[in-house]
Amino acid sequence: MDSGLLANIAILVLAGFVGFAVISKVPNTLHTPLMSGTNAIHGIVLLGAIVVLGREEVGVVDAIILVVAIVFGVINVVGGFLVTDRMLGMFKGKQPGRAGTGAEKNGSGS
């Protein structure tokens, strides 16, 4: 096995362990802001993948892998922002005037 490939695999495994250790120690109150930040970073990664896909020297197999990665990345970013928006909506207080004022209940609304 190539020493460069072995080093890359070792870095990937160590990064997985460090990521798990860091994320497991994050309190629940910080989860939503961190998730929002990582979604923004993933959006930048998607932009980079689209730029690489636009190059002329990308092979067919590489282009297929890039398209699949871009599709999964878009699903991740959109889903992450939807979950973040829902979580932040849970922290918003009820706004006066949004709930029924009584006019809608009586059928005399304008």
PDB file of N, CA and C in Angstrom:
ATOM      1  N   MET A   1       0.854  -1.183   0.000  1.00  0.00           N
ATOM      2  CA  MET A   1       0.000   0.000   0.000  1.00  0.00           C
ATOM      3  C   MET A   1       0.893   1.237   0.000  1.00  0.00           C
ATOM      4  N   ASP A   2       0.476   2.226  -0.726  1.00  0.00           N
ATOM      5  CA  ASP A   2       1.212   3.477  -0.829  1.00  0.00           C
ATOM      6  C   ASP A   2       1.229   4.185   0.534  1.00  0.00           C
ATOM      7  N   SER A   3       2.376   4.746   0.893  1.00  0.00           N
ATOM      8  CA  SER A   3       2.489   5.411   2.205  1.00  0.00           C
ATOM      9  C   SER A   3       1.617   6.671   2.276  1.00  0.00           C
ATOM     10  N   GLY A   4       1.430   7.353   1.160  1.00  0.00           N
ATOM     11  CA  GLY A   4       0.573   8.532   1.141  1.00  0.00           C
ATOM     12  C   GLY A   4      -0.883   8.167   1.377  1.00  0.00           C
ATOM     13  N   LEU A   5      -1.326   7.058   0.774  1.00  0.00           N
ATOM     14  CA  LEU A   5      -2.693   6.600   0.970  1.00  0.00           C
ATOM     15  C   LEU A   5      -2.902   6.159   2.415  1.00  0.00           C
ATOM     16  N   LEU A   6      -1.930   5.469   2.966  1.00  0.00           N
ATOM     17  CA  LEU A   6      -2.025   5.028   4.357  1.00  0.00           C
ATOM     18  C   LEU A   6      -2.084   6.218   5.308  1.00  0.00           C
ATOM     19  N   ALA A   7      -1.297   7.247   5.030  1.00  0.00           N
ATOM     20  CA  ALA A   7      -1.323   8.457   5.864  1.00  0.00           C
ATOM     21  C   ALA A   7      -2.676   9.153   5.763  1.00  0.00           C
ATOM     22  N   ASN A   8      -3.243   9.205   4.555  1.00  0.00           N
ATOM     23  CA  ASN A   8      -4.557   9.840   4.380  1.00  0.00           C
ATOM     24  C   ASN A   8      -5.660   9.063   5.108  1.00  0.00           C
ATOM     25  N   ILE A   9      -5.597   7.736   5.070  1.00  0.00           N
ATOM     26  CA  ILE A   9      -6.576   6.922   5.785  1.00  0.00           C
ATOM     27  C   ILE A   9      -6.440   7.125   7.291  1.00  0.00           C
ATOM     28  N   ALA A  10      -5.192   7.198   7.785  1.00  0.00           N
ATOM     29  CA  ALA A  10      -4.972   7.422   9.216  1.00  0.00           C
ATOM     30  C   ALA A  10      -5.516   8.785   9.646  1.00  0.00           C
ATOM     31  N   ILE A  11      -5.316   9.810   8.820  1.00  0.00           N
ATOM     32  CA  ILE A  11      -5.835  11.145   9.129  1.00  0.00           C
ATOM     33  C   ILE A  11      -7.363  11.132   9.141  1.00  0.00           C
ATOM     34  N   LEU A  12      -7.970  10.412   8.194  1.00  0.00           N
ATOM     35  CA  LEU A  12      -9.425  10.326   8.139  1.00  0.00           C
ATOM     36  C   LEU A  12      -9.986   9.656   9.391  1.00  0.00           C
ATOM     37  N   VAL A  13      -9.369   8.557   9.821  1.00  0.00           N
ATOM     38  CA  VAL A  13      -9.838   7.848  11.010  1.00  0.00           C
ATOM     39  C   VAL A  13      -9.665   8.716  12.251  1.00  0.00           C
ATOM     40  N   LEU A  14      -8.503   9.354  12.388  1.00  0.00           N
ATOM     41  CA  LEU A  14      -8.276  10.226  13.545  1.00  0.00           C
ATOM     42  C   LEU A  14      -9.232  11.413  13.554  1.00  0.00           C
ATOM     43  N   ALA A  15      -9.504  11.975  12.391  1.00  0.00           N
ATOM     44  CA  ALA A  15     -10.461  13.090  12.313  1.00  0.00           C
ATOM     45  C   ALA A  15     -11.854  12.644  12.732  1.00  0.00           C
ATOM     46  N   GLY A  16     -12.227  11.421  12.373  1.00  0.00           N
ATOM     47  CA  GLY A  16     -13.519  10.887  12.801  1.00  0.00           C
ATOM     48  C   GLY A  16     -13.609  10.768  14.309  1.00  0.00           C
ATOM     49  N   PHE A  17     -12.548  10.245  14.947  1.00  0.00           N
ATOM     50  CA  PHE A  17     -12.545  10.117  16.408  1.00  0.00           C
ATOM     51  C   PHE A  17     -12.564  11.477  17.095  1.00  0.00           C
ATOM     52  N   VAL A  18     -11.772  12.412  16.592  1.00  0.00           N
ATOM     53  CA  VAL A  18     -11.742  13.754  17.190  1.00  0.00           C
ATOM     54  C   VAL A  18     -13.089  14.445  17.005  1.00  0.00           C
ATOM     55  N   GLY A  19     -13.694  14.316  15.823  1.00  0.00           N
ATOM     56  CA  GLY A  19     -15.000  14.919  15.579  1.00  0.00           C
ATOM     57  C   GLY A  19     -16.069  14.364  16.503  1.00  0.00           C
ATOM     58  N   PHE A  20     -16.054  13.047  16.697  1.00  0.00           N
ATOM     59  CA  PHE A  20     -17.026  12.433  17.601  1.00  0.00           C
ATOM     60  C   PHE A  20     -16.813  12.915  19.036  1.00  0.00           C
ATOM     61  N   ALA A  21     -15.554  13.004  19.460  1.00  0.00           N
ATOM     62  CA  ALA A  21     -15.267  13.448  20.827  1.00  0.00           C
ATOM     63  C   ALA A  21     -15.703  14.895  21.039  1.00  0.00           C
ATOM     64  N   VAL A  22     -15.485  15.746  20.047  1.00  0.00           N
ATOM     65  CA  VAL A  22     -15.849  17.157  20.182  1.00  0.00           C
ATOM     66  C   VAL A  22     -17.367  17.329  20.163  1.00  0.00           C
ATOM     67  N   ILE A  23     -18.038  16.689  19.226  1.00  0.00           N
ATOM     68  CA  ILE A  23     -19.484  16.856  19.081  1.00  0.00           C
ATOM     69  C   ILE A  23     -20.231  16.279  20.284  1.00  0.00           C
ATOM     70  N   SER A  24     -19.724  15.190  20.848  1.00  0.00           N
ATOM     71  CA  SER A  24     -20.428  14.592  21.983  1.00  0.00           C
ATOM     72  C   SER A  24     -20.360  15.460  23.232  1.00  0.00           C
ATOM     73  N   LYS A  25     -19.433  16.415  23.277  1.00  0.00           N
ATOM     74  CA  LYS A  25     -19.305  17.296  24.438  1.00  0.00           C
ATOM     75  C   LYS A  25     -20.013  18.639  24.253  1.00  0.00           C
ATOM     76  N   VAL A  26     -20.673  18.845  23.118  1.00  0.00           N
ATOM     77  CA  VAL A  26     -21.372  20.102  22.853  1.00  0.00           C
ATOM     78  C   VAL A  26     -22.708  20.093  23.581  1.00  0.00           C
ATOM     79  N   PRO A  27     -22.982  21.130  24.392  1.00  0.00           N
ATOM     80  CA  PRO A  27     -24.290  21.179  25.069  1.00  0.00           C
ATOM     81  C   PRO A  27     -25.419  21.422  24.068  1.00  0.00           C
ATOM     82  N   ASN A  28     -26.613  21.038  24.463  1.00  0.00           N
ATOM     83  CA  ASN A  28     -27.777  21.158  23.569  1.00  0.00           C
ATOM     84  C   ASN A  28     -28.045  22.595  23.144  1.00  0.00           C
ATOM     85  N   THR A  29     -27.742  23.565  23.994  1.00  0.00           N
ATOM     86  CA  THR A  29     -28.033  24.955  23.653  1.00  0.00           C
ATOM     87  C   THR A  29     -27.137  25.474  22.532  1.00  0.00           C
ATOM     88  N   LEU A  30     -25.993  24.848  22.321  1.00  0.00           N
ATOM     89  CA  LEU A  30     -25.091  25.289  21.253  1.00  0.00           C
ATOM     90  C   LEU A  30     -25.249  24.482  19.976  1.00  0.00           C
ATOM     91  N   HIS A  31     -26.089  23.468  19.993  1.00  0.00           N
ATOM     92  CA  HIS A  31     -26.207  22.598  18.829  1.00  0.00           C
ATOM     93  C   HIS A  31     -26.720  23.344  17.602  1.00  0.00           C
ATOM     94  N   THR A  32     -27.774  24.133  17.755  1.00  0.00           N
ATOM     95  CA  THR A  32     -28.377  24.820  16.614  1.00  0.00           C
ATOM     96  C   THR A  32     -27.442  25.850  15.986  1.00  0.00           C
ATOM     97  N   PRO A  33     -26.757  26.709  16.756  1.00  0.00           N
ATOM     98  CA  PRO A  33     -25.822  27.645  16.105  1.00  0.00           C
ATOM     99  C   PRO A  33     -24.652  26.940  15.418  1.00  0.00           C
ATOM    100  N   LEU A  34     -24.172  25.865  16.004  1.00  0.00           N
ATOM    101  CA  LEU A  34     -23.077  25.133  15.362  1.00  0.00           C
ATOM    102  C   LEU A  34     -23.542  24.461  14.084  1.00  0.00           C
ATOM    103  N   MET A  35     -24.757  23.938  14.092  1.00  0.00           N
ATOM    104  CA  MET A  35     -25.283  23.297  12.897  1.00  0.00           C
ATOM    105  C   MET A  35     -25.474  24.323  11.785  1.00  0.00           C
ATOM    106  N   SER A  36     -25.911  25.503  12.124  1.00  0.00           N
ATOM    107  CA  SER A  36     -26.082  26.554  11.132  1.00  0.00           C
ATOM    108  C   SER A  36     -24.739  26.950  10.524  1.00  0.00           C
ATOM    109  N   GLY A  37     -23.722  27.040  11.371  1.00  0.00           N
ATOM    110  CA  GLY A  37     -22.379  27.371  10.870  1.00  0.00           C
ATOM    111  C   GLY A  37     -21.821  26.293   9.962  1.00  0.00           C
ATOM    112  N   THR A  38     -22.005  25.038  10.319  1.00  0.00           N
ATOM    113  CA  THR A  38     -21.495  23.960   9.471  1.00  0.00           C
ATOM    114  C   THR A  38     -22.272  23.871   8.165  1.00  0.00           C
ATOM    115  N   ASN A  39     -23.546  24.248   8.167  1.00  0.00           N
ATOM    116  CA  ASN A  39     -24.284  24.298   6.906  1.00  0.00           C
ATOM    117  C   ASN A  39     -23.719  25.364   5.980  1.00  0.00           C
ATOM    118  N   ALA A  40     -23.326  26.485   6.525  1.00  0.00           N
ATOM    119  CA  ALA A  40     -22.716  27.536   5.703  1.00  0.00           C
ATOM    120  C   ALA A  40     -21.377  27.061   5.122  1.00  0.00           C
ATOM    121  N   ILE A  41     -20.595  26.356   5.934  1.00  0.00           N
ATOM    122  CA  ILE A  41     -19.323  25.817   5.442  1.00  0.00           C
ATOM    123  C   ILE A  41     -19.585  24.786   4.352  1.00  0.00           C
ATOM    124  N   HIS A  42     -20.583  23.959   4.534  1.00  0.00           N
ATOM    125  CA  HIS A  42     -20.904  22.953   3.518  1.00  0.00           C
ATOM    126  C   HIS A  42     -21.358  23.621   2.221  1.00  0.00           C
ATOM    127  N   GLY A  43     -22.007  24.770   2.307  1.00  0.00           N
ATOM    128  CA  GLY A  43     -22.371  25.508   1.105  1.00  0.00           C
ATOM    129  C   GLY A  43     -21.146  25.959   0.327  1.00  0.00           C
ATOM    130  N   ILE A  44     -20.096  26.347   1.027  1.00  0.00           N
ATOM    131  CA  ILE A  44     -18.844  26.727   0.365  1.00  0.00           C
ATOM    132  C   ILE A  44     -18.209  25.515  -0.298  1.00  0.00           C
ATOM    133  N   VAL A  45     -18.279  24.356   0.367  1.00  0.00           N
ATOM    134  CA  VAL A  45     -17.754  23.121  -0.216  1.00  0.00           C
ATOM    135  C   VAL A  45     -18.520  22.774  -1.490  1.00  0.00           C
ATOM    136  N   LEU A  46     -19.838  22.969  -1.483  1.00  0.00           N
ATOM    137  CA  LEU A  46     -20.637  22.723  -2.682  1.00  0.00           C
ATOM    138  C   LEU A  46     -20.227  23.642  -3.829  1.00  0.00           C
ATOM    139  N   LEU A  47     -19.963  24.880  -3.516  1.00  0.00           N
ATOM    140  CA  LEU A  47     -19.506  25.820  -4.537  1.00  0.00           C
ATOM    141  C   LEU A  47     -18.187  25.356  -5.151  1.00  0.00           C
ATOM    142  N   GLY A  48     -17.277  24.881  -4.309  1.00  0.00           N
ATOM    143  CA  GLY A  48     -16.010  24.351  -4.810  1.00  0.00           C
ATOM    144  C   GLY A  48     -16.209  23.134  -5.691  1.00  0.00           C
ATOM    145  N   ALA A  49     -17.136  22.257  -5.334  1.00  0.00           N
ATOM    146  CA  ALA A  49     -17.409  21.075  -6.152  1.00  0.00           C
ATOM    147  C   ALA A  49     -17.982  21.464  -7.509  1.00  0.00           C
ATOM    148  N   ILE A  50     -18.815  22.483  -7.523  1.00  0.00           N
ATOM    149  CA  ILE A  50     -19.372  22.942  -8.799  1.00  0.00           C
ATOM    150  C   ILE A  50     -18.273  23.550  -9.672  1.00  0.00           C
ATOM    151  N   VAL A  51     -17.347  24.269  -9.071  1.00  0.00           N
ATOM    152  CA  VAL A  51     -16.227  24.842  -9.833  1.00  0.00           C
ATOM    153  C   VAL A  51     -15.362  23.734 -10.413  1.00  0.00           C
ATOM    154  N   VAL A  52     -15.068  22.702  -9.613  1.00  0.00           N
ATOM    155  CA  VAL A  52     -14.255  21.584 -10.108  1.00  0.00           C
ATOM    156  C   VAL A  52     -14.990  20.848 -11.221  1.00  0.00           C
ATOM    157  N   LEU A  53     -16.304  20.710 -11.100  1.00  0.00           N
ATOM    158  CA  LEU A  53     -17.089  20.030 -12.125  1.00  0.00           C
ATOM    159  C   LEU A  53     -17.033  20.786 -13.449  1.00  0.00           C
ATOM    160  N   GLY A  54     -16.886  22.102 -13.405  1.00  0.00           N
ATOM    161  CA  GLY A  54     -16.837  22.906 -14.616  1.00  0.00           C
ATOM    162  C   GLY A  54     -15.511  22.864 -15.355  1.00  0.00           C
ATOM    163  N   ARG A  55     -14.500  22.256 -14.782  1.00  0.00           N
ATOM    164  CA  ARG A  55     -13.201  22.178 -15.457  1.00  0.00           C
ATOM    165  C   ARG A  55     -13.258  21.195 -16.621  1.00  0.00           C
ATOM    166  N   GLU A  56     -12.403  21.423 -17.602  1.00  0.00           N
ATOM    167  CA  GLU A  56     -12.401  20.581 -18.792  1.00  0.00           C
ATOM    168  C   GLU A  56     -11.733  19.230 -18.560  1.00  0.00           C
ATOM    169  N   GLU A  57     -10.768  19.153 -17.664  1.00  0.00           N
ATOM    170  CA  GLU A  57     -10.000  17.922 -17.494  1.00  0.00           C
ATOM    171  C   GLU A  57     -10.625  16.922 -16.523  1.00  0.00           C
ATOM    172  N   VAL A  58     -11.886  17.108 -16.163  1.00  0.00           N
ATOM    173  CA  VAL A  58     -12.574  16.168 -15.279  1.00  0.00           C
ATOM    174  C   VAL A  58     -13.063  14.987 -16.116  1.00  0.00           C
ATOM    175  N   GLY A  59     -12.730  13.768 -15.669  1.00  0.00           N
ATOM    176  CA  GLY A  59     -13.152  12.568 -16.375  1.00  0.00           C
ATOM    177  C   GLY A  59     -14.610  12.243 -16.130  1.00  0.00           C
ATOM    178  N   VAL A  60     -15.107  11.243 -16.843  1.00  0.00           N
ATOM    179  CA  VAL A  60     -16.517  10.882 -16.743  1.00  0.00           C
ATOM    180  C   VAL A  60     -16.829  10.331 -15.346  1.00  0.00           C
ATOM    181  N   VAL A  61     -15.987   9.442 -14.845  1.00  0.00           N
ATOM    182  CA  VAL A  61     -16.224   8.860 -13.524  1.00  0.00           C
ATOM    183  C   VAL A  61     -16.146   9.947 -12.453  1.00  0.00           C
ATOM    184  N   ASP A  62     -15.166  10.826 -12.573  1.00  0.00           N
ATOM    185  CA  ASP A  62     -15.046  11.924 -11.616  1.00  0.00           C
ATOM    186  C   ASP A  62     -16.273  12.836 -11.658  1.00  0.00           C
ATOM    187  N   ALA A  63     -16.779  13.086 -12.856  1.00  0.00           N
ATOM    188  CA  ALA A  63     -17.954  13.948 -12.995  1.00  0.00           C
ATOM    189  C   ALA A  63     -19.179  13.296 -12.362  1.00  0.00           C
ATOM    190  N   ILE A  64     -19.330  11.994 -12.525  1.00  0.00           N
ATOM    191  CA  ILE A  64     -20.471  11.296 -11.917  1.00  0.00           C
ATOM    192  C   ILE A  64     -20.378  11.358 -10.400  1.00  0.00           C
ATOM    193  N   ILE A  65     -19.190  11.101  -9.865  1.00  0.00           N
ATOM    194  CA  ILE A  65     -18.995  11.167  -8.411  1.00  0.00           C
ATOM    195  C   ILE A  65     -19.258  12.584  -7.902  1.00  0.00           C
ATOM    196  N   LEU A  66     -18.808  13.597  -8.634  1.00  0.00           N
ATOM    197  CA  LEU A  66     -19.043  14.986  -8.229  1.00  0.00           C
ATOM    198  C   LEU A  66     -20.533  15.326  -8.237  1.00  0.00           C
ATOM    199  N   VAL A  67     -21.252  14.872  -9.247  1.00  0.00           N
ATOM    200  CA  VAL A  67     -22.684  15.169  -9.321  1.00  0.00           C
ATOM    201  C   VAL A  67     -23.424  14.512  -8.153  1.00  0.00           C
ATOM    202  N   VAL A  68     -23.074  13.254  -7.858  1.00  0.00           N
ATOM    203  CA  VAL A  68     -23.708  12.572  -6.729  1.00  0.00           C
ATOM    204  C   VAL A  68     -23.375  13.296  -5.419  1.00  0.00           C
ATOM    205  N   ALA A  69     -22.114  13.717  -5.263  1.00  0.00           N
ATOM    206  CA  ALA A  69     -21.715  14.446  -4.054  1.00  0.00           C
ATOM    207  C   ALA A  69     -22.440  15.783  -3.954  1.00  0.00           C
ATOM    208  N   ILE A  70     -22.619  16.463  -5.067  1.00  0.00           N
ATOM    209  CA  ILE A  70     -23.321  17.749  -5.059  1.00  0.00           C
ATOM    210  C   ILE A  70     -24.786  17.551  -4.687  1.00  0.00           C
ATOM    211  N   VAL A  71     -25.424  16.509  -5.209  1.00  0.00           N
ATOM    212  CA  VAL A  71     -26.829  16.246  -4.877  1.00  0.00           C
ATOM    213  C   VAL A  71     -26.973  15.963  -3.385  1.00  0.00           C
ATOM    214  N   PHE A  72     -26.123  15.080  -2.846  1.00  0.00           N
ATOM    215  CA  PHE A  72     -26.197  14.781  -1.413  1.00  0.00           C
ATOM    216  C   PHE A  72     -25.870  16.015  -0.576  1.00  0.00           C
ATOM    217  N   GLY A  73     -24.923  16.823  -1.031  1.00  0.00           N
ATOM    218  CA  GLY A  73     -24.572  18.040  -0.304  1.00  0.00           C
ATOM    219  C   GLY A  73     -25.718  19.043  -0.275  1.00  0.00           C
ATOM    220  N   VAL A  74     -26.408  19.186  -1.394  1.00  0.00           N
ATOM    221  CA  VAL A  74     -27.549  20.104  -1.445  1.00  0.00           C
ATOM    222  C   VAL A  74     -28.659  19.619  -0.509  1.00  0.00           C
ATOM    223  N   ILE A  75     -28.903  18.303  -0.511  1.00  0.00           N
ATOM    224  CA  ILE A  75     -29.905  17.752   0.409  1.00  0.00           C
ATOM    225  C   ILE A  75     -29.506  18.046   1.851  1.00  0.00           C
ATOM    226  N   ASN A  76     -28.221  17.883   2.162  1.00  0.00           N
ATOM    227  CA  ASN A  76     -27.725  18.134   3.520  1.00  0.00           C
ATOM    228  C   ASN A  76     -27.884  19.597   3.910  1.00  0.00           C
ATOM    229  N   VAL A  77     -27.515  20.503   3.033  1.00  0.00           N
ATOM    230  CA  VAL A  77     -27.585  21.932   3.351  1.00  0.00           C
ATOM    231  C   VAL A  77     -29.037  22.381   3.507  1.00  0.00           C
ATOM    232  N   VAL A  78     -29.895  22.007   2.568  1.00  0.00           N
ATOM    233  CA  VAL A  78     -31.295  22.427   2.646  1.00  0.00           C
ATOM    234  C   VAL A  78     -31.964  21.828   3.878  1.00  0.00           C
ATOM    235  N   GLY A  79     -31.745  20.545   4.106  1.00  0.00           N
ATOM    236  CA  GLY A  79     -32.320  19.917   5.293  1.00  0.00           C
ATOM    237  C   GLY A  79     -31.792  20.525   6.577  1.00  0.00           C
ATOM    238  N   GLY A  80     -30.506  20.830   6.604  1.00  0.00           N
ATOM    239  CA  GLY A  80     -29.917  21.443   7.793  1.00  0.00           C
ATOM    240  C   GLY A  80     -30.490  22.812   8.085  1.00  0.00           C
ATOM    241  N   PHE A  81     -30.675  23.624   7.042  1.00  0.00           N
ATOM    242  CA  PHE A  81     -31.256  24.940   7.265  1.00  0.00           C
ATOM    243  C   PHE A  81     -32.726  24.852   7.668  1.00  0.00           C
ATOM    244  N   LEU A  82     -33.454  23.868   7.128  1.00  0.00           N
ATOM    245  CA  LEU A  82     -34.845  23.695   7.544  1.00  0.00           C
ATOM    246  C   LEU A  82     -34.935  23.288   9.012  1.00  0.00           C
ATOM    247  N   VAL A  83     -34.058  22.377   9.432  1.00  0.00           N
ATOM    248  CA  VAL A  83     -34.053  21.955  10.835  1.00  0.00           C
ATOM    249  C   VAL A  83     -33.632  23.118  11.729  1.00  0.00           C
ATOM    250  N   THR A  84     -32.621  23.879  11.303  1.00  0.00           N
ATOM    251  CA  THR A  84     -32.179  25.029  12.085  1.00  0.00           C
ATOM    252  C   THR A  84     -33.302  26.053  12.226  1.00  0.00           C
ATOM    253  N   ASP A  85     -34.020  26.315  11.132  1.00  0.00           N
ATOM    254  CA  ASP A  85     -35.128  27.271  11.191  1.00  0.00           C
ATOM    255  C   ASP A  85     -36.229  26.776  12.126  1.00  0.00           C
ATOM    256  N   ARG A  86     -36.495  25.497  12.074  1.00  0.00           N
ATOM    257  CA  ARG A  86     -37.516  24.937  12.971  1.00  0.00           C
ATOM    258  C   ARG A  86     -37.080  25.027  14.428  1.00  0.00           C
ATOM    259  N   MET A  87     -35.810  24.734  14.691  1.00  0.00           N
ATOM    260  CA  MET A  87     -35.309  24.807  16.068  1.00  0.00           C
ATOM    261  C   MET A  87     -35.339  26.250  16.576  1.00  0.00           C
ATOM    262  N   LEU A  88     -34.947  27.192  15.740  1.00  0.00           N
ATOM    263  CA  LEU A  88     -34.978  28.591  16.165  1.00  0.00           C
ATOM    264  C   LEU A  88     -36.403  29.078  16.365  1.00  0.00           C
ATOM    265  N   GLY A  89     -37.347  28.530  15.600  1.00  0.00           N
ATOM    266  CA  GLY A  89     -38.750  28.887  15.780  1.00  0.00           C
ATOM    267  C   GLY A  89     -39.287  28.446  17.129  1.00  0.00           C
ATOM    268  N   MET A  90     -38.697  27.412  17.691  1.00  0.00           N
ATOM    269  CA  MET A  90     -39.128  26.943  19.010  1.00  0.00           C
ATOM    270  C   MET A  90     -38.735  27.924  20.105  1.00  0.00           C
ATOM    271  N   PHE A  91     -37.686  28.719  19.867  1.00  0.00           N
ATOM    272  CA  PHE A  91     -37.219  29.659  20.875  1.00  0.00           C
ATOM    273  C   PHE A  91     -37.909  31.015  20.785  1.00  0.00           C
ATOM    274  N   LYS A  92     -38.621  31.277  19.707  1.00  0.00           N
ATOM    275  CA  LYS A  92     -39.324  32.550  19.557  1.00  0.00           C
ATOM    276  C   LYS A  92     -40.563  32.545  20.437  1.00  0.00           C
ATOM    277  N   GLY A  93     -40.807  33.677  21.048  1.00  0.00           N
ATOM    278  CA  GLY A  93     -42.014  33.806  21.873  1.00  0.00           C
ATOM    279  C   GLY A  93     -43.230  34.014  20.996  1.00  0.00           C
ATOM    280  N   LYS A  94     -44.371  33.835  21.572  1.00  0.00           N
ATOM    281  CA  LYS A  94     -45.601  34.087  20.821  1.00  0.00           C
ATOM    282  C   LYS A  94     -45.761  35.587  20.635  1.00  0.00           C
ATOM    283  N   GLN A  95     -46.022  35.989  19.410  1.00  0.00           N
ATOM    284  CA  GLN A  95     -46.152  37.410  19.101  1.00  0.00           C
ATOM    285  C   GLN A  95     -47.618  37.813  19.234  1.00  0.00           C
ATOM    286  N   PRO A  96     -47.873  38.925  19.916  1.00  0.00           N
ATOM    287  CA  PRO A  96     -49.265  39.376  20.022  1.00  0.00           C
ATOM    288  C   PRO A  96     -49.780  39.797  18.651  1.00  0.00           C
ATOM    289  N   GLY A  97     -51.016  39.485  18.375  1.00  0.00           N
ATOM    290  CA  GLY A  97     -51.594  39.847  17.093  1.00  0.00           C
ATOM    291  C   GLY A  97     -51.536  38.715  16.096  1.00  0.00           C
ATOM    292  N   ARG A  98     -50.647  37.768  16.294  1.00  0.00           N
ATOM    293  CA  ARG A  98     -50.555  36.621  15.399  1.00  0.00           C
ATOM    294  C   ARG A  98     -51.651  35.607  15.719  1.00  0.00           C
ATOM    295  N   ALA A  99     -51.911  35.429  16.994  1.00  0.00           N
ATOM    296  CA  ALA A  99     -52.981  34.529  17.383  1.00  0.00           C
ATOM    297  C   ALA A  99     -54.307  35.193  17.052  1.00  0.00           C
ATOM    298  N   GLY A 100     -55.359  34.441  17.113  1.00  0.00           N
ATOM    299  CA  GLY A 100     -56.676  34.988  16.771  1.00  0.00           C
ATOM    300  C   GLY A 100     -57.050  36.158  17.651  1.00  0.00           C
ATOM    301  N   THR A 101     -57.635  37.203  17.056  1.00  0.00           N
ATOM    302  CA  THR A 101     -58.037  38.384  17.821  1.00  0.00           C
ATOM    303  C   THR A 101     -59.494  38.309  18.240  1.00  0.00           C
ATOM    304  N   GLY A 102     -60.163  37.265  17.816  1.00  0.00           N
ATOM    305  CA  GLY A 102     -61.573  37.156  18.171  1.00  0.00           C
ATOM    306  C   GLY A 102     -62.460  37.457  16.983  1.00  0.00           C
ATOM    307  N   ALA A 103     -62.045  38.355  16.100  1.00  0.00           N
ATOM    308  CA  ALA A 103     -62.834  38.705  14.931  1.00  0.00           C
ATOM    309  C   ALA A 103     -62.944  37.505  13.989  1.00  0.00           C
ATOM    310  N   GLU A 104     -61.870  36.730  13.872  1.00  0.00           N
ATOM    311  CA  GLU A 104     -61.898  35.569  12.995  1.00  0.00           C
ATOM    312  C   GLU A 104     -62.825  34.499  13.575  1.00  0.00           C
ATOM    313  N   LYS A 105     -62.867  34.418  14.894  1.00  0.00           N
ATOM    314  CA  LYS A 105     -63.696  33.400  15.524  1.00  0.00           C
ATOM    315  C   LYS A 105     -65.177  33.680  15.357  1.00  0.00           C
ATOM    316  N   ASN A 106     -65.548  34.971  15.340  1.00  0.00           N
ATOM    317  CA  ASN A 106     -66.941  35.344  15.230  1.00  0.00           C
ATOM    318  C   ASN A 106     -67.418  35.366  13.784  1.00  0.00           C
ATOM    319  N   GLY A 107     -66.479  35.256  12.849  1.00  0.00           N
ATOM    320  CA  GLY A 107     -66.859  35.304  11.439  1.00  0.00           C
ATOM    321  C   GLY A 107     -67.021  36.702  10.919  1.00  0.00           C
ATOM    322  N   SER A 108     -66.650  37.738  11.702  1.00  0.00           N
ATOM    323  CA  SER A 108     -66.807  39.121  11.253  1.00  0.00           C
ATOM    324  C   SER A 108     -65.483  39.706  10.794  1.00  0.00           C
ATOM    325  N   GLY A 109     -64.552  38.858  10.381  1.00  0.00           N
ATOM    326  CA  GLY A 109     -63.263  39.371   9.907  1.00  0.00           C
ATOM    327  C   GLY A 109     -63.412  40.091   8.598  1.00  0.00           C
ATOM    328  N   SER A 110     -62.492  40.984   8.249  1.00  0.00           N
ATOM    329  CA  SER A 110     -62.626  41.774   7.037  1.00  0.00           C
ATOM    330  C   SER A 110     -62.210  41.045   5.815  1.00  0.00           C
TER     331      SER A 110
END
